[in-house]
Protein backbone atom coordinates (compact mmCIF):
# COMPACT_ATOMS: atom_id res chain seq x y z
CA MET A 1 0.00 0.00 0.00
CA ARG A 2 2.91 2.36 0.78
CA LYS A 3 4.33 1.88 -2.72
CA LEU A 4 0.93 2.72 -4.23
CA ALA A 5 0.70 5.89 -2.14
CA ARG A 6 4.24 6.88 -3.16
CA PHE A 7 3.47 6.22 -6.82
CA THR A 8 0.26 8.23 -6.62
CA ALA A 9 2.01 11.15 -4.91
CA THR A 10 4.87 11.08 -7.40
CA ALA A 11 2.50 10.89 -10.34
CA GLY A 12 0.64 13.92 -8.99
CA LEU A 13 3.87 15.85 -8.62
CA ALA A 14 4.96 14.79 -12.10
CA VAL A 15 1.75 16.10 -13.61
CA SER A 16 2.18 19.43 -11.83
CA LEU A 17 5.79 19.73 -13.01
CA VAL A 18 5.23 18.92 -16.67
CA GLY A 19 5.38 22.60 -17.57
CA ALA A 20 8.59 23.10 -15.56
CA ALA A 21 10.26 20.02 -17.03
CA VAL A 22 9.72 21.21 -20.60
CA ALA A 23 12.01 24.21 -20.43
CA PRO A 24 12.03 26.73 -23.27
CA ALA A 25 15.34 27.65 -24.89
CA ALA A 26 15.55 30.90 -22.92
CA ALA A 27 15.23 29.04 -19.63
CA GLN A 28 17.90 26.57 -20.73
CA GLN A 29 20.29 29.45 -21.32
CA GLN A 30 19.55 30.92 -17.90
CA THR A 31 20.38 27.66 -16.11
CA ALA A 32 23.95 27.76 -17.41
CA SER A 33 24.79 30.19 -14.59
CA SER A 34 22.78 28.34 -11.94
CA PRO A 35 24.49 27.45 -8.66
CA HIS A 36 22.67 24.09 -8.95
CA SER A 37 24.47 22.61 -11.91
CA TYR A 38 23.79 18.96 -12.69
CA THR A 39 25.86 16.54 -14.75
CA CYS A 40 24.22 13.39 -16.16
CA SER A 41 25.87 10.42 -17.86
CA ASN A 42 25.07 6.90 -19.06
CA GLN A 43 26.56 4.06 -17.01
CA GLY A 44 26.82 0.45 -18.18
CA GLY A 45 24.51 -1.17 -20.67
CA GLY A 46 21.82 -3.76 -21.10
CA PRO A 47 19.47 -4.59 -18.23
CA ASN A 48 21.83 -3.03 -15.66
CA HIS A 49 22.12 0.31 -17.46
CA THR A 50 21.62 3.45 -15.38
CA VAL A 51 21.69 7.18 -15.93
CA ASN A 52 23.56 8.91 -13.13
CA CYS A 53 23.23 12.62 -12.37
CA SER A 54 24.89 14.61 -9.64
CA GLY A 55 24.45 18.18 -8.49
CA LEU A 56 23.16 20.50 -5.80
CA ILE A 57 19.71 21.08 -4.36
CA THR A 58 20.39 23.91 -1.96
CA VAL A 59 22.32 27.16 -2.15
CA ASN A 60 25.77 27.61 -0.64
CA ASN A 61 26.55 23.91 -1.23
CA VAL A 62 24.65 22.90 1.89
CA LEU A 63 23.78 19.58 0.23
CA ASN A 64 26.37 19.21 -2.49
CA GLY A 65 26.16 15.44 -2.82
CA THR A 66 22.76 15.11 -4.47
CA THR A 67 22.57 12.12 -6.80
CA VAL A 68 19.88 10.98 -9.20
CA ASN A 69 20.08 7.39 -10.45
CA VAL A 70 17.61 6.00 -12.97
CA GLY A 71 17.82 2.26 -13.60
CA ASP A 72 16.74 -0.15 -16.33
CA ILE A 73 16.26 2.31 -19.16
CA ASN A 74 17.60 2.97 -22.63
CA VAL A 75 20.90 4.75 -23.18
CA LEU A 76 20.17 8.47 -23.51
CA SER A 77 21.60 10.64 -26.27
CA GLY A 78 23.65 13.75 -25.49
CA THR A 79 20.62 15.97 -26.13
CA GLN A 80 18.47 13.86 -23.81
CA LEU A 81 21.11 14.04 -21.07
CA ASP A 82 21.23 17.83 -21.53
CA ASN A 83 17.41 18.04 -21.27
CA LEU A 84 17.45 16.02 -18.05
CA GLU A 85 20.17 18.25 -16.60
CA VAL A 86 18.12 21.38 -17.41
CA ALA A 87 14.99 19.89 -15.81
CA LEU A 88 16.90 19.06 -12.62
CA VAL A 89 18.49 22.52 -12.47
CA ASN A 90 15.10 24.20 -12.95
CA VAL A 91 13.61 22.23 -10.05
CA ALA A 92 16.62 22.89 -7.81
CA ASP A 93 16.55 26.61 -8.62
CA ASN A 94 12.84 26.88 -7.82
CA ASN A 95 12.80 24.86 -4.58
CA VAL A 96 15.67 26.25 -2.46
CA ASN A 97 13.48 27.21 0.50
CA LEU A 98 11.59 23.91 0.76
CA PRO A 99 12.52 21.05 3.12
CA VAL A 100 15.15 18.66 1.73
CA THR A 101 12.70 15.76 1.40
CA VAL A 102 10.33 17.93 -0.64
CA GLN A 103 13.20 19.07 -2.86
CA LEU A 104 14.22 15.46 -3.45
CA ALA A 105 10.63 14.41 -4.20
CA ASN A 106 10.37 17.28 -6.69
CA LEU A 107 13.59 16.14 -8.41
CA GLU A 108 12.12 12.62 -8.63
CA ALA A 109 8.89 13.94 -10.16
CA ALA A 110 10.81 16.10 -12.65
CA THR A 111 12.95 13.12 -13.66
CA ILE A 112 9.90 10.91 -14.26
CA SER A 113 8.10 13.70 -16.11
CA THR A 114 11.12 14.49 -18.31
CA TYR A 115 11.50 10.85 -19.32
CA LEU A 116 7.83 10.58 -20.24
CA THR A 117 7.26 14.01 -21.78
CA ASN A 118 10.58 14.57 -23.55
CA PHE A 119 11.80 11.05 -24.29
CA GLY A 120 8.58 9.00 -24.49
CA ILE A 121 10.00 6.58 -21.88
CA THR A 122 7.90 5.49 -18.91
CA VAL A 123 9.97 5.14 -15.75
CA LEU A 124 8.39 3.87 -12.56
CA PRO A 125 9.27 5.72 -9.34
CA VAL A 126 10.85 2.56 -7.95
CA LYS A 127 13.52 2.85 -10.69
CA VAL A 128 14.44 6.41 -9.65
CA ASN A 129 16.71 6.82 -6.63
CA ILE A 130 17.36 10.38 -5.44
CA CYS A 131 19.64 11.06 -2.48
CA ALA A 132 21.26 13.99 -0.73
CA GLY A 133 23.80 12.51 1.64
CA SER A 134 21.94 9.89 3.68
CA ILE A 135 18.45 11.28 2.86
CA CYS A 136 16.86 9.39 -0.03
CA VAL A 137 13.43 9.27 -1.68
């Protein structure tokens, strides 16, 4: 039941963030100077493939070890990795005053939304692991 509640909550957040995840070109240019830069890369291949992203969720490097890992998906192109990075930066830039767990949940929702909206790939929340230090969602 807990997994269903988490999925429902994440799906609701994803729907609300669809507009934020699809960033216009102007917004993409603005994020280049963001203090919340994210770097995403493909790791491995086949059924154990993951996309790993790392970056910041709070200002002044308070939580500088934020990681986003998405498992069991296709290898993303350079443009797709760039789009995911922009979506993560946009969420991090817009959520700096929220509690850490909310920021992490918003990053999860943006990741799921970006995969579905931009790449046409459905990713279940259980395949997305977002952590800042020892706090994970």
